[in-house]
Amino acid sequence: MAGLTFDGPTEAASLLEFATHTSGLPRNSPSEFNLFRNAEKLLVEQKEVATLNSSDKASFLNALGKIKKEYPAFDYLPTDQRHYSNLGYSLLGLALEKAAKTSYENYIKSAICEPLGLSNTGVATLSSKENTIAIGYRYAATQQAFIRTPEFHANAMAPASGMYATARDLAKFISAHLTYNNSLLPARSIRMMQSFGIGWQRDYPYLRHEGAMLGFRCEIVIHPKLEIGWVILTNTSDFEFNRFDAYIAKLVLPAFTEAPITDLAQYIGNYSLVGGAASFRIYQEDGKLYTTYLADRFPHTALQFSGSNTMVLTDQTGRSVRFEFIPDKKRKTLLLNLNQLLWKKD
């Protein structure tokens, strides 16, 4: 199932397009009409609805032949936006079942949850004797109260809207995306997922993913560079994350953000062109830093800090050369971007 052709003059959609929400497919399948009609009855018409049911797999598959693409494949959008498609992820779930020769639920449990120790994560939307899942609520403005939402049966939409987890399990899941040494994926695959937005919405310097259904909203946020993240789980539809994200970021980021190197001695040394034979020196004199780089153009001109771990040489006409230092994780060994080339401190 490497590709899928839809009715009309459209090209096959690939699994990568499904995963990155770039296939051009609409948000939902027409087989979900009853699901969204009942949700509309509940929210707009204020009518009682006993349960909310996604279509079964047979109805979902039967509808595929009539689906048309809503927009061109790989439609250009800013990196923090996308044409989200539950339909695309439901198709990914079907493709996974076919490739793994087992159910989506069993594969997720055996291939992801168990290796990562996610003992309270799985594919389900309703409580059972063995497992208690939170009850969802929505705010009814007319009653000024939170009202319990109907039970939701994910059925064919389970790959897009049928999982449960705890905050502790999702913290482990976040760690797996930051340590790059977990048993599931090599570092290259994890970085590719983050870069392409596979499972993530890119919002530099963050990666985030939000999930919502009637009665529930959740969010995962990670900061790959600082290797931190957080998760917010709520059992109400009426919840906005922006204010909480801003508060958490203000609380957490200062403790992890790397301070610039202000000790001049750390910059002193010989710098060699990586892959080349050229070199120059940075030295200290009378409490200031100087360099032999372009010494004839900037005779005895002191380096001046200009931002975090960045220095400039500036002459009397205002012309300048920018030195962008890159410390390692131990805040010691320095790489340097200079004149569009990479240099390393010996």
C-alpha atoms as a PDB file:
ATOM      1  CA  MET A   1       0.000   0.000   0.000  1.00  0.00           C
ATOM      2  CA  ALA A   2       2.693   2.454  -1.030  1.00  0.00           C
ATOM      3  CA  GLY A   3       0.142   4.671  -2.742  1.00  0.00           C
ATOM      4  CA  LEU A   4      -3.595   5.112  -3.086  1.00  0.00           C
ATOM      5  CA  THR A   5      -5.493   6.466  -6.082  1.00  0.00           C
ATOM      6  CA  PHE A   6      -8.695   8.437  -5.649  1.00  0.00           C
ATOM      7  CA  ASP A   7     -11.568   9.190  -7.982  1.00  0.00           C
ATOM      8  CA  GLY A   8     -10.839  11.842 -10.609  1.00  0.00           C
ATOM      9  CA  PRO A   9      -7.636  13.058 -12.291  1.00  0.00           C
ATOM     10  CA  THR A  10      -5.437  12.809  -9.223  1.00  0.00           C
ATOM     11  CA  GLU A  11      -2.164  11.056  -8.592  1.00  0.00           C
ATOM     12  CA  ALA A  12      -1.690   8.367  -5.988  1.00  0.00           C
ATOM     13  CA  ALA A  13      -0.995   9.601  -2.458  1.00  0.00           C
ATOM     14  CA  SER A  14       2.015   8.184  -0.630  1.00  0.00           C
ATOM     15  CA  LEU A  15       2.401   7.087   2.969  1.00  0.00           C
ATOM     16  CA  LEU A  16       4.810   9.993   3.529  1.00  0.00           C
ATOM     17  CA  GLU A  17       2.119  12.429   2.358  1.00  0.00           C
ATOM     18  CA  PHE A  18      -0.363  10.879   4.801  1.00  0.00           C
ATOM     19  CA  ALA A  19       2.169  11.139   7.641  1.00  0.00           C
ATOM     20  CA  THR A  20       3.004  14.791   6.926  1.00  0.00           C
ATOM     21  CA  HIS A  21      -0.579  15.912   6.151  1.00  0.00           C
ATOM     22  CA  THR A  22       0.444  16.926   2.629  1.00  0.00           C
ATOM     23  CA  SER A  23      -1.599  14.428   0.585  1.00  0.00           C
ATOM     24  CA  GLY A  24      -4.341  16.874  -0.367  1.00  0.00           C
ATOM     25  CA  LEU A  25      -6.979  14.676   1.258  1.00  0.00           C
ATOM     26  CA  PRO A  26      -9.877  16.311   3.129  1.00  0.00           C
ATOM     27  CA  ARG A  27      -9.881  16.327   6.906  1.00  0.00           C
ATOM     28  CA  ASN A  28     -12.382  13.465   7.258  1.00  0.00           C
ATOM     29  CA  SER A  29     -13.947  10.693   5.210  1.00  0.00           C
ATOM     30  CA  PRO A  30     -17.568  11.079   4.015  1.00  0.00           C
ATOM     31  CA  SER A  31     -18.235   7.831   5.886  1.00  0.00           C
ATOM     32  CA  GLU A  32     -18.057   9.940   9.074  1.00  0.00           C
ATOM     33  CA  PHE A  33     -21.204  11.920   8.215  1.00  0.00           C
ATOM     34  CA  ASN A  34     -23.262  10.420  11.038  1.00  0.00           C
ATOM     35  CA  LEU A  35     -20.492  11.052  13.568  1.00  0.00           C
ATOM     36  CA  PHE A  36     -20.271  14.760  12.808  1.00  0.00           C
ATOM     37  CA  ARG A  37     -24.029  15.121  12.267  1.00  0.00           C
ATOM     38  CA  ASN A  38     -24.644  13.777  15.770  1.00  0.00           C
ATOM     39  CA  ALA A  39     -21.932  16.045  17.193  1.00  0.00           C
ATOM     40  CA  GLU A  40     -23.672  18.946  15.489  1.00  0.00           C
ATOM     41  CA  LYS A  41     -27.013  17.916  16.967  1.00  0.00           C
ATOM     42  CA  LEU A  42     -25.444  17.941  20.400  1.00  0.00           C
ATOM     43  CA  LEU A  43     -23.536  21.219  20.143  1.00  0.00           C
ATOM     44  CA  VAL A  44     -25.674  23.326  17.816  1.00  0.00           C
ATOM     45  CA  GLU A  45     -29.181  21.943  18.114  1.00  0.00           C
ATOM     46  CA  GLN A  46     -28.799  21.146  21.835  1.00  0.00           C
ATOM     47  CA  LYS A  47     -30.286  17.668  21.354  1.00  0.00           C
ATOM     48  CA  GLU A  48     -29.391  14.628  23.432  1.00  0.00           C
ATOM     49  CA  VAL A  49     -27.070  12.092  21.770  1.00  0.00           C
ATOM     50  CA  ALA A  50     -26.484   8.715  23.401  1.00  0.00           C
ATOM     51  CA  THR A  51     -23.169   7.854  21.726  1.00  0.00           C
ATOM     52  CA  LEU A  52     -20.860   9.159  19.057  1.00  0.00           C
ATOM     53  CA  ASN A  53     -19.749   6.480  16.601  1.00  0.00           C
ATOM     54  CA  SER A  54     -17.142   6.628  13.875  1.00  0.00           C
ATOM     55  CA  SER A  55     -17.826   4.515  10.798  1.00  0.00           C
ATOM     56  CA  ASP A  56     -16.863   0.856  10.801  1.00  0.00           C
ATOM     57  CA  LYS A  57     -13.942  -0.288   8.687  1.00  0.00           C
ATOM     58  CA  ALA A  58     -16.152  -1.627   5.851  1.00  0.00           C
ATOM     59  CA  SER A  59     -17.979   1.694   5.455  1.00  0.00           C
ATOM     60  CA  PHE A  60     -14.686   3.574   5.612  1.00  0.00           C
ATOM     61  CA  LEU A  61     -13.148   1.434   2.863  1.00  0.00           C
ATOM     62  CA  ASN A  62     -16.259   1.654   0.666  1.00  0.00           C
ATOM     63  CA  ALA A  63     -16.087   5.453   0.756  1.00  0.00           C
ATOM     64  CA  LEU A  64     -12.485   5.646  -0.455  1.00  0.00           C
ATOM     65  CA  GLY A  65     -13.337   5.255  -4.129  1.00  0.00           C
ATOM     66  CA  LYS A  66     -15.382   8.467  -4.121  1.00  0.00           C
ATOM     67  CA  ILE A  67     -12.978  10.721  -2.244  1.00  0.00           C
ATOM     68  CA  LYS A  68     -11.476  13.663  -4.109  1.00  0.00           C
ATOM     69  CA  LYS A  69      -8.443  15.664  -3.067  1.00  0.00           C
ATOM     70  CA  GLU A  70      -9.325  18.961  -1.452  1.00  0.00           C
ATOM     71  CA  TYR A  71      -6.128  20.810  -2.414  1.00  0.00           C
ATOM     72  CA  PRO A  72      -2.934  20.095  -4.389  1.00  0.00           C
ATOM     73  CA  ALA A  73      -0.456  17.672  -2.874  1.00  0.00           C
ATOM     74  CA  PHE A  74       2.354  19.391  -0.937  1.00  0.00           C
ATOM     75  CA  ASP A  75       0.355  22.626  -0.902  1.00  0.00           C
ATOM     76  CA  TYR A  76       2.702  25.318   0.434  1.00  0.00           C
ATOM     77  CA  LEU A  77       2.026  26.392   4.004  1.00  0.00           C
ATOM     78  CA  PRO A  78       4.149  27.961   6.761  1.00  0.00           C
ATOM     79  CA  THR A  79       5.980  25.333   8.800  1.00  0.00           C
ATOM     80  CA  ASP A  80       3.674  25.827  11.796  1.00  0.00           C
ATOM     81  CA  GLN A  81       0.529  25.087   9.760  1.00  0.00           C
ATOM     82  CA  ARG A  82      -0.816  22.081   7.870  1.00  0.00           C
ATOM     83  CA  HIS A  83      -3.927  20.624   6.243  1.00  0.00           C
ATOM     84  CA  TYR A  84      -4.672  18.195   9.060  1.00  0.00           C
ATOM     85  CA  SER A  85      -6.297  14.971   7.824  1.00  0.00           C
ATOM     86  CA  ASN A  86      -7.785  12.339  10.119  1.00  0.00           C
ATOM     87  CA  LEU A  87      -8.571  10.445   6.923  1.00  0.00           C
ATOM     88  CA  GLY A  88      -4.881  10.247   6.046  1.00  0.00           C
ATOM     89  CA  TYR A  89      -3.932   8.856   9.454  1.00  0.00           C
ATOM     90  CA  SER A  90      -6.765   6.340   9.370  1.00  0.00           C
ATOM     91  CA  LEU A  91      -5.310   5.125   6.058  1.00  0.00           C
ATOM     92  CA  LEU A  92      -1.872   4.910   7.662  1.00  0.00           C
ATOM     93  CA  GLY A  93      -3.382   2.683  10.358  1.00  0.00           C
ATOM     94  CA  LEU A  94      -4.845   0.363   7.735  1.00  0.00           C
ATOM     95  CA  ALA A  95      -1.521   0.243   5.902  1.00  0.00           C
ATOM     96  CA  LEU A  96       0.239  -0.596   9.178  1.00  0.00           C
ATOM     97  CA  GLU A  97      -2.171  -3.457   9.882  1.00  0.00           C
ATOM     98  CA  LYS A  98      -1.561  -4.895   6.428  1.00  0.00           C
ATOM     99  CA  ALA A  99       2.233  -4.618   6.679  1.00  0.00           C
ATOM    100  CA  ALA A 100       2.447  -5.945  10.260  1.00  0.00           C
ATOM    101  CA  LYS A 101      -0.203  -8.662   9.718  1.00  0.00           C
ATOM    102  CA  THR A 102      -1.840  -7.782  13.022  1.00  0.00           C
ATOM    103  CA  SER A 103      -4.324  -5.265  14.352  1.00  0.00           C
ATOM    104  CA  TYR A 104      -3.374  -1.633  14.799  1.00  0.00           C
ATOM    105  CA  GLU A 105      -4.011  -1.943  18.550  1.00  0.00           C
ATOM    106  CA  ASN A 106      -1.758  -4.985  18.959  1.00  0.00           C
ATOM    107  CA  TYR A 107       1.049  -3.470  16.921  1.00  0.00           C
ATOM    108  CA  ILE A 108       1.062  -0.168  18.813  1.00  0.00           C
ATOM    109  CA  LYS A 109       1.155  -2.039  22.119  1.00  0.00           C
ATOM    110  CA  SER A 110       3.896  -4.515  21.185  1.00  0.00           C
ATOM    111  CA  ALA A 111       6.099  -2.275  19.018  1.00  0.00           C
ATOM    112  CA  ILE A 112       5.862   1.048  20.878  1.00  0.00           C
ATOM    113  CA  CYS A 113       4.204   0.900  24.288  1.00  0.00           C
ATOM    114  CA  GLU A 114       5.973  -2.167  25.679  1.00  0.00           C
ATOM    115  CA  PRO A 115       9.537  -1.249  24.566  1.00  0.00           C
ATOM    116  CA  LEU A 116       9.159   2.250  26.020  1.00  0.00           C
ATOM    117  CA  GLY A 117       7.526   1.027  29.241  1.00  0.00           C
ATOM    118  CA  LEU A 118       4.247   2.830  28.538  1.00  0.00           C
ATOM    119  CA  SER A 119       2.131   0.645  30.802  1.00  0.00           C
ATOM    120  CA  ASN A 120      -0.804   3.074  30.881  1.00  0.00           C
ATOM    121  CA  THR A 121      -1.054   3.796  27.155  1.00  0.00           C
ATOM    122  CA  GLY A 122      -3.106   2.023  24.535  1.00  0.00           C
ATOM    123  CA  VAL A 123      -5.817   2.117  21.893  1.00  0.00           C
ATOM    124  CA  ALA A 124      -9.212   2.639  23.555  1.00  0.00           C
ATOM    125  CA  THR A 125     -11.687   5.422  24.280  1.00  0.00           C
ATOM    126  CA  LEU A 126     -13.884   3.768  26.922  1.00  0.00           C
ATOM    127  CA  SER A 127     -13.195   2.343  30.373  1.00  0.00           C
ATOM    128  CA  SER A 128     -13.129  -1.392  30.994  1.00  0.00           C
ATOM    129  CA  LYS A 129     -12.774  -3.604  34.073  1.00  0.00           C
ATOM    130  CA  GLU A 130      -9.015  -3.611  33.586  1.00  0.00           C
ATOM    131  CA  ASN A 131      -8.591   0.037  32.647  1.00  0.00           C
ATOM    132  CA  THR A 132     -10.199   3.304  33.748  1.00  0.00           C
ATOM    133  CA  ILE A 133     -10.276   6.137  31.218  1.00  0.00           C
ATOM    134  CA  ALA A 134     -11.279   9.669  32.185  1.00  0.00           C
ATOM    135  CA  ILE A 135     -14.784  10.890  31.386  1.00  0.00           C
ATOM    136  CA  GLY A 136     -15.053  13.829  28.994  1.00  0.00           C
ATOM    137  CA  TYR A 137     -16.929  17.079  29.603  1.00  0.00           C
ATOM    138  CA  ARG A 138     -17.949  20.138  27.606  1.00  0.00           C
ATOM    139  CA  TYR A 139     -19.003  23.527  28.878  1.00  0.00           C
ATOM    140  CA  ALA A 140     -22.662  24.373  28.226  1.00  0.00           C
ATOM    141  CA  ALA A 141     -23.008  28.154  28.203  1.00  0.00           C
ATOM    142  CA  THR A 142     -26.790  28.061  28.547  1.00  0.00           C
ATOM    143  CA  GLN A 143     -26.485  26.071  31.774  1.00  0.00           C
ATOM    144  CA  GLN A 144     -23.170  27.603  32.852  1.00  0.00           C
ATOM    145  CA  ALA A 145     -21.952  24.153  33.775  1.00  0.00           C
ATOM    146  CA  PHE A 146     -19.737  21.346  32.508  1.00  0.00           C
ATOM    147  CA  ILE A 147     -21.827  18.576  30.942  1.00  0.00           C
ATOM    148  CA  ARG A 148     -20.679  15.012  30.435  1.00  0.00           C
ATOM    149  CA  THR A 149     -20.091  14.179  26.766  1.00  0.00           C
ATOM    150  CA  PRO A 150     -21.419  11.009  25.083  1.00  0.00           C
ATOM    151  CA  GLU A 151     -19.264   7.915  24.793  1.00  0.00           C
ATOM    152  CA  PHE A 152     -17.104   7.934  21.689  1.00  0.00           C
ATOM    153  CA  HIS A 153     -16.445   4.757  19.673  1.00  0.00           C
ATOM    154  CA  ALA A 154     -13.446   5.377  17.418  1.00  0.00           C
ATOM    155  CA  ASN A 155     -13.844   2.315  15.146  1.00  0.00           C
ATOM    156  CA  ALA A 156     -12.186   3.074  11.765  1.00  0.00           C
ATOM    157  CA  MET A 157     -10.817   6.383  13.100  1.00  0.00           C
ATOM    158  CA  ALA A 158      -8.854   4.720  15.902  1.00  0.00           C
ATOM    159  CA  PRO A 159      -5.435   5.560  14.339  1.00  0.00           C
ATOM    160  CA  ALA A 160      -6.433   9.235  14.327  1.00  0.00           C
ATOM    161  CA  SER A 161      -8.463   9.545  17.522  1.00  0.00           C
ATOM    162  CA  GLY A 162      -8.501   6.360  19.558  1.00  0.00           C
ATOM    163  CA  MET A 163      -5.627   6.397  22.064  1.00  0.00           C
ATOM    164  CA  TYR A 164      -5.354   7.070  25.798  1.00  0.00           C
ATOM    165  CA  ALA A 165      -2.296   7.764  27.952  1.00  0.00           C
ATOM    166  CA  THR A 166      -1.182   9.270  31.238  1.00  0.00           C
ATOM    167  CA  ALA A 167       1.067  12.295  31.710  1.00  0.00           C
ATOM    168  CA  ARG A 168       3.801  10.054  33.133  1.00  0.00           C
ATOM    169  CA  ASP A 169       3.718   7.772  30.086  1.00  0.00           C
ATOM    170  CA  LEU A 170       3.809  10.720  27.728  1.00  0.00           C
ATOM    171  CA  ALA A 171       6.826  12.074  29.613  1.00  0.00           C
ATOM    172  CA  LYS A 172       8.570   8.793  28.753  1.00  0.00           C
ATOM    173  CA  PHE A 173       7.428   9.215  25.149  1.00  0.00           C
ATOM    174  CA  ILE A 174       8.939  12.708  25.079  1.00  0.00           C
ATOM    175  CA  SER A 175      12.208  11.357  26.471  1.00  0.00           C
ATOM    176  CA  ALA A 176      12.362   8.808  23.647  1.00  0.00           C
ATOM    177  CA  HIS A 177      12.318  11.699  21.162  1.00  0.00           C
ATOM    178  CA  LEU A 178      15.141  13.514  22.941  1.00  0.00           C
ATOM    179  CA  THR A 179      17.649  10.881  24.056  1.00  0.00           C
ATOM    180  CA  TYR A 180      18.221   9.442  20.548  1.00  0.00           C
ATOM    181  CA  ASN A 181      19.315   6.124  22.012  1.00  0.00           C
ATOM    182  CA  ASN A 182      15.971   4.399  22.547  1.00  0.00           C
ATOM    183  CA  SER A 183      15.292   0.912  21.249  1.00  0.00           C
ATOM    184  CA  LEU A 184      12.702   1.943  18.652  1.00  0.00           C
ATOM    185  CA  LEU A 185      14.278   4.339  16.187  1.00  0.00           C
ATOM    186  CA  PRO A 186      17.829   5.486  15.385  1.00  0.00           C
ATOM    187  CA  ALA A 187      18.699   9.128  15.919  1.00  0.00           C
ATOM    188  CA  ARG A 188      18.575   9.798  12.175  1.00  0.00           C
ATOM    189  CA  SER A 189      14.944   8.635  11.949  1.00  0.00           C
ATOM    190  CA  ILE A 190      13.893  10.701  14.963  1.00  0.00           C
ATOM    191  CA  ARG A 191      15.529  13.822  13.559  1.00  0.00           C
ATOM    192  CA  MET A 192      13.886  13.181  10.176  1.00  0.00           C
ATOM    193  CA  MET A 193      10.465  12.935  11.842  1.00  0.00           C
ATOM    194  CA  GLN A 194      11.072  16.206  13.655  1.00  0.00           C
ATOM    195  CA  SER A 195      12.344  17.962  10.538  1.00  0.00           C
ATOM    196  CA  PHE A 196       9.597  16.747   8.176  1.00  0.00           C
ATOM    197  CA  GLY A 197       6.829  17.189  10.732  1.00  0.00           C
ATOM    198  CA  ILE A 198       5.941  13.490  10.882  1.00  0.00           C
ATOM    199  CA  GLY A 199       3.712  13.372  13.940  1.00  0.00           C
ATOM    200  CA  TRP A 200       4.834  16.873  14.901  1.00  0.00           C
ATOM    201  CA  GLN A 201       3.799  20.399  14.061  1.00  0.00           C
ATOM    202  CA  ARG A 202       6.910  22.542  13.708  1.00  0.00           C
ATOM    203  CA  ASP A 203       6.817  25.809  15.644  1.00  0.00           C
ATOM    204  CA  TYR A 204      10.472  26.780  16.064  1.00  0.00           C
ATOM    205  CA  PRO A 205      12.130  26.296  18.489  1.00  0.00           C
ATOM    206  CA  TYR A 206       9.372  23.891  19.530  1.00  0.00           C
ATOM    207  CA  LEU A 207       7.739  20.799  18.128  1.00  0.00           C
ATOM    208  CA  ARG A 208       4.179  20.262  19.260  1.00  0.00           C
ATOM    209  CA  HIS A 209       1.192  18.032  18.691  1.00  0.00           C
ATOM    210  CA  GLU A 210      -2.349  18.736  19.805  1.00  0.00           C
ATOM    211  CA  GLY A 211      -5.185  16.264  19.945  1.00  0.00           C
ATOM    212  CA  ALA A 212      -8.848  16.888  20.564  1.00  0.00           C
ATOM    213  CA  MET A 213     -12.230  15.188  20.481  1.00  0.00           C
ATOM    214  CA  LEU A 214     -15.513  16.127  22.094  1.00  0.00           C
ATOM    215  CA  GLY A 215     -14.776  16.128  25.820  1.00  0.00           C
ATOM    216  CA  PHE A 216     -10.971  16.029  25.656  1.00  0.00           C
ATOM    217  CA  ARG A 217      -7.978  18.121  24.620  1.00  0.00           C
ATOM    218  CA  CYS A 218      -4.278  17.300  24.960  1.00  0.00           C
ATOM    219  CA  GLU A 219      -0.935  18.670  23.885  1.00  0.00           C
ATOM    220  CA  ILE A 220       2.699  17.566  23.789  1.00  0.00           C
ATOM    221  CA  VAL A 221       5.465  20.163  23.396  1.00  0.00           C
ATOM    222  CA  ILE A 222       9.186  19.492  23.058  1.00  0.00           C
ATOM    223  CA  HIS A 223      12.207  21.765  22.662  1.00  0.00           C
ATOM    224  CA  PRO A 224      14.727  19.517  20.845  1.00  0.00           C
ATOM    225  CA  LYS A 225      17.730  21.800  21.323  1.00  0.00           C
ATOM    226  CA  LEU A 226      17.283  22.150  25.090  1.00  0.00           C
ATOM    227  CA  GLU A 227      16.027  18.544  25.378  1.00  0.00           C
ATOM    228  CA  ILE A 228      12.993  19.401  27.477  1.00  0.00           C
ATOM    229  CA  GLY A 229       9.252  19.070  27.001  1.00  0.00           C
ATOM    230  CA  TRP A 230       5.879  19.003  28.689  1.00  0.00           C
ATOM    231  CA  VAL A 231       2.419  17.527  28.264  1.00  0.00           C
ATOM    232  CA  ILE A 232      -1.026  18.922  29.111  1.00  0.00           C
ATOM    233  CA  LEU A 233      -4.015  16.571  29.381  1.00  0.00           C
ATOM    234  CA  THR A 234      -7.570  17.795  29.973  1.00  0.00           C
ATOM    235  CA  ASN A 235     -10.962  16.103  29.955  1.00  0.00           C
ATOM    236  CA  THR A 236     -12.842  19.067  28.534  1.00  0.00           C
ATOM    237  CA  SER A 237     -13.187  20.385  24.995  1.00  0.00           C
ATOM    238  CA  ASP A 238     -13.023  24.011  26.121  1.00  0.00           C
ATOM    239  CA  PHE A 239      -9.342  24.588  26.758  1.00  0.00           C
ATOM    240  CA  GLU A 240      -6.727  26.780  25.109  1.00  0.00           C
ATOM    241  CA  PHE A 241      -3.058  25.899  25.498  1.00  0.00           C
ATOM    242  CA  ASN A 242      -1.340  29.175  24.580  1.00  0.00           C
ATOM    243  CA  ARG A 243      -1.498  30.794  28.002  1.00  0.00           C
ATOM    244  CA  PHE A 244      -0.329  27.643  29.788  1.00  0.00           C
ATOM    245  CA  ASP A 245       2.471  27.056  27.272  1.00  0.00           C
ATOM    246  CA  ALA A 246       3.727  30.605  27.795  1.00  0.00           C
ATOM    247  CA  TYR A 247       3.651  30.159  31.579  1.00  0.00           C
ATOM    248  CA  ILE A 248       5.465  26.806  31.482  1.00  0.00           C
ATOM    249  CA  ALA A 249       8.082  28.133  29.052  1.00  0.00           C
ATOM    250  CA  LYS A 250       8.723  31.164  31.266  1.00  0.00           C
ATOM    251  CA  LEU A 251       9.067  28.874  34.286  1.00  0.00           C
ATOM    252  CA  VAL A 252      11.221  26.142  32.748  1.00  0.00           C
ATOM    253  CA  LEU A 253      13.341  27.569  29.938  1.00  0.00           C
ATOM    254  CA  PRO A 254      15.617  29.811  32.069  1.00  0.00           C
ATOM    255  CA  ALA A 255      16.814  26.746  33.978  1.00  0.00           C
ATOM    256  CA  PHE A 256      17.891  24.994  30.766  1.00  0.00           C
ATOM    257  CA  THR A 257      18.895  27.818  28.436  1.00  0.00           C
ATOM    258  CA  GLU A 258      22.654  27.873  28.063  1.00  0.00           C
ATOM    259  CA  ALA A 259      24.272  31.105  29.193  1.00  0.00           C
ATOM    260  CA  PRO A 260      26.799  32.663  26.818  1.00  0.00           C
ATOM    261  CA  ILE A 261      30.480  32.078  27.463  1.00  0.00           C
ATOM    262  CA  THR A 262      31.801  35.277  28.992  1.00  0.00           C
ATOM    263  CA  ASP A 263      35.199  33.970  30.156  1.00  0.00           C
ATOM    264  CA  LEU A 264      37.609  35.416  27.586  1.00  0.00           C
ATOM    265  CA  ALA A 265      40.108  32.649  28.239  1.00  0.00           C
ATOM    266  CA  GLN A 266      37.693  30.129  26.702  1.00  0.00           C
ATOM    267  CA  TYR A 267      38.102  31.810  23.301  1.00  0.00           C
ATOM    268  CA  ILE A 268      41.887  32.021  23.329  1.00  0.00           C
ATOM    269  CA  GLY A 269      43.686  29.547  21.065  1.00  0.00           C
ATOM    270  CA  ASN A 270      44.522  28.444  17.559  1.00  0.00           C
ATOM    271  CA  TYR A 271      41.643  27.891  15.100  1.00  0.00           C
ATOM    272  CA  SER A 272      42.115  25.585  12.109  1.00  0.00           C
ATOM    273  CA  LEU A 273      39.940  25.380   9.014  1.00  0.00           C
ATOM    274  CA  VAL A 274      38.036  22.089   9.149  1.00  0.00           C
ATOM    275  CA  GLY A 275      39.144  20.100   6.111  1.00  0.00           C
ATOM    276  CA  GLY A 276      41.724  22.709   5.098  1.00  0.00           C
ATOM    277  CA  ALA A 277      45.225  23.984   5.892  1.00  0.00           C
ATOM    278  CA  ALA A 278      44.469  27.561   6.948  1.00  0.00           C
ATOM    279  CA  SER A 279      44.599  28.691  10.571  1.00  0.00           C
ATOM    280  CA  PHE A 280      44.641  31.815  12.716  1.00  0.00           C
ATOM    281  CA  ARG A 281      44.961  32.710  16.379  1.00  0.00           C
ATOM    282  CA  ILE A 282      42.844  34.517  18.966  1.00  0.00           C
ATOM    283  CA  TYR A 283      44.825  35.972  21.857  1.00  0.00           C
ATOM    284  CA  GLN A 284      44.293  38.239  24.856  1.00  0.00           C
ATOM    285  CA  GLU A 285      46.026  41.531  25.530  1.00  0.00           C
ATOM    286  CA  ASP A 286      45.203  44.100  28.222  1.00  0.00           C
ATOM    287  CA  GLY A 287      41.895  42.381  29.010  1.00  0.00           C
ATOM    288  CA  LYS A 288      40.729  42.355  25.378  1.00  0.00           C
ATOM    289  CA  LEU A 289      40.638  39.716  22.628  1.00  0.00           C
ATOM    290  CA  TYR A 290      42.478  40.155  19.345  1.00  0.00           C
ATOM    291  CA  THR A 291      42.977  37.903  16.323  1.00  0.00           C
ATOM    292  CA  THR A 292      45.532  37.341  13.597  1.00  0.00           C
ATOM    293  CA  TYR A 293      42.695  36.806  11.125  1.00  0.00           C
ATOM    294  CA  LEU A 294      42.786  39.652   8.573  1.00  0.00           C
ATOM    295  CA  ALA A 295      45.273  41.438  10.822  1.00  0.00           C
ATOM    296  CA  ASP A 296      46.366  43.670   7.940  1.00  0.00           C
ATOM    297  CA  ARG A 297      42.777  44.812   7.348  1.00  0.00           C
ATOM    298  CA  PHE A 298      41.965  45.229  11.057  1.00  0.00           C
ATOM    299  CA  PRO A 299      45.307  46.198  12.641  1.00  0.00           C
ATOM    300  CA  HIS A 300      45.208  45.763  16.419  1.00  0.00           C
ATOM    301  CA  THR A 301      41.402  45.845  16.457  1.00  0.00           C
ATOM    302  CA  ALA A 302      39.755  44.258  19.483  1.00  0.00           C
ATOM    303  CA  LEU A 303      36.968  41.708  19.066  1.00  0.00           C
ATOM    304  CA  GLN A 304      33.665  42.970  20.486  1.00  0.00           C
ATOM    305  CA  PHE A 305      30.812  40.828  21.771  1.00  0.00           C
ATOM    306  CA  SER A 306      27.685  41.114  19.624  1.00  0.00           C
ATOM    307  CA  GLY A 307      25.070  38.732  20.969  1.00  0.00           C
ATOM    308  CA  SER A 308      25.379  35.308  22.556  1.00  0.00           C
ATOM    309  CA  ASN A 309      28.757  33.706  21.734  1.00  0.00           C
ATOM    310  CA  THR A 310      29.192  36.076  18.800  1.00  0.00           C
ATOM    311  CA  MET A 311      31.923  38.670  18.244  1.00  0.00           C
ATOM    312  CA  VAL A 312      32.708  41.168  15.505  1.00  0.00           C
ATOM    313  CA  LEU A 313      35.735  42.982  14.139  1.00  0.00           C
ATOM    314  CA  THR A 314      34.777  46.472  12.993  1.00  0.00           C
ATOM    315  CA  ASP A 315      36.953  49.067  11.257  1.00  0.00           C
ATOM    316  CA  GLN A 316      36.541  52.858  11.238  1.00  0.00           C
ATOM    317  CA  THR A 317      34.333  52.758   8.126  1.00  0.00           C
ATOM    318  CA  GLY A 318      31.860  50.422   9.816  1.00  0.00           C
ATOM    319  CA  ARG A 319      32.798  47.344   7.830  1.00  0.00           C
ATOM    320  CA  SER A 320      32.829  44.259   9.995  1.00  0.00           C
ATOM    321  CA  VAL A 321      33.586  40.535  10.141  1.00  0.00           C
ATOM    322  CA  ARG A 322      31.372  38.307  12.263  1.00  0.00           C
ATOM    323  CA  PHE A 323      32.678  35.414  14.415  1.00  0.00           C
ATOM    324  CA  GLU A 324      29.930  32.963  15.460  1.00  0.00           C
ATOM    325  CA  PHE A 325      31.253  30.553  18.117  1.00  0.00           C
ATOM    326  CA  ILE A 326      29.565  27.187  18.727  1.00  0.00           C
ATOM    327  CA  PRO A 327      30.379  25.561  22.104  1.00  0.00           C
ATOM    328  CA  ASP A 328      29.891  21.858  22.716  1.00  0.00           C
ATOM    329  CA  LYS A 329      27.537  20.534  25.386  1.00  0.00           C
ATOM    330  CA  LYS A 330      30.253  20.853  28.013  1.00  0.00           C
ATOM    331  CA  ARG A 331      30.590  24.550  27.119  1.00  0.00           C
ATOM    332  CA  LYS A 332      34.272  24.173  26.288  1.00  0.00           C
ATOM    333  CA  THR A 333      35.461  23.030  22.838  1.00  0.00           C
ATOM    334  CA  LEU A 334      34.514  25.666  20.295  1.00  0.00           C
ATOM    335  CA  LEU A 335      33.623  25.463  16.645  1.00  0.00           C
ATOM    336  CA  LEU A 336      33.454  28.702  14.708  1.00  0.00           C
ATOM    337  CA  ASN A 337      31.462  29.880  11.722  1.00  0.00           C
ATOM    338  CA  LEU A 338      33.554  32.508   9.959  1.00  0.00           C
ATOM    339  CA  ASN A 339      33.321  33.731   6.377  1.00  0.00           C
ATOM    340  CA  GLN A 340      30.872  30.898   5.556  1.00  0.00           C
ATOM    341  CA  LEU A 341      33.455  28.298   6.605  1.00  0.00           C
ATOM    342  CA  LEU A 342      33.774  26.043   9.647  1.00  0.00           C
ATOM    343  CA  TRP A 343      36.778  26.328  11.956  1.00  0.00           C
ATOM    344  CA  LYS A 344      37.750  24.331  15.041  1.00  0.00           C
ATOM    345  CA  LYS A 345      39.680  25.413  18.095  1.00  0.00           C
ATOM    346  CA  ASP A 346      42.767  23.174  18.490  1.00  0.00           C
END
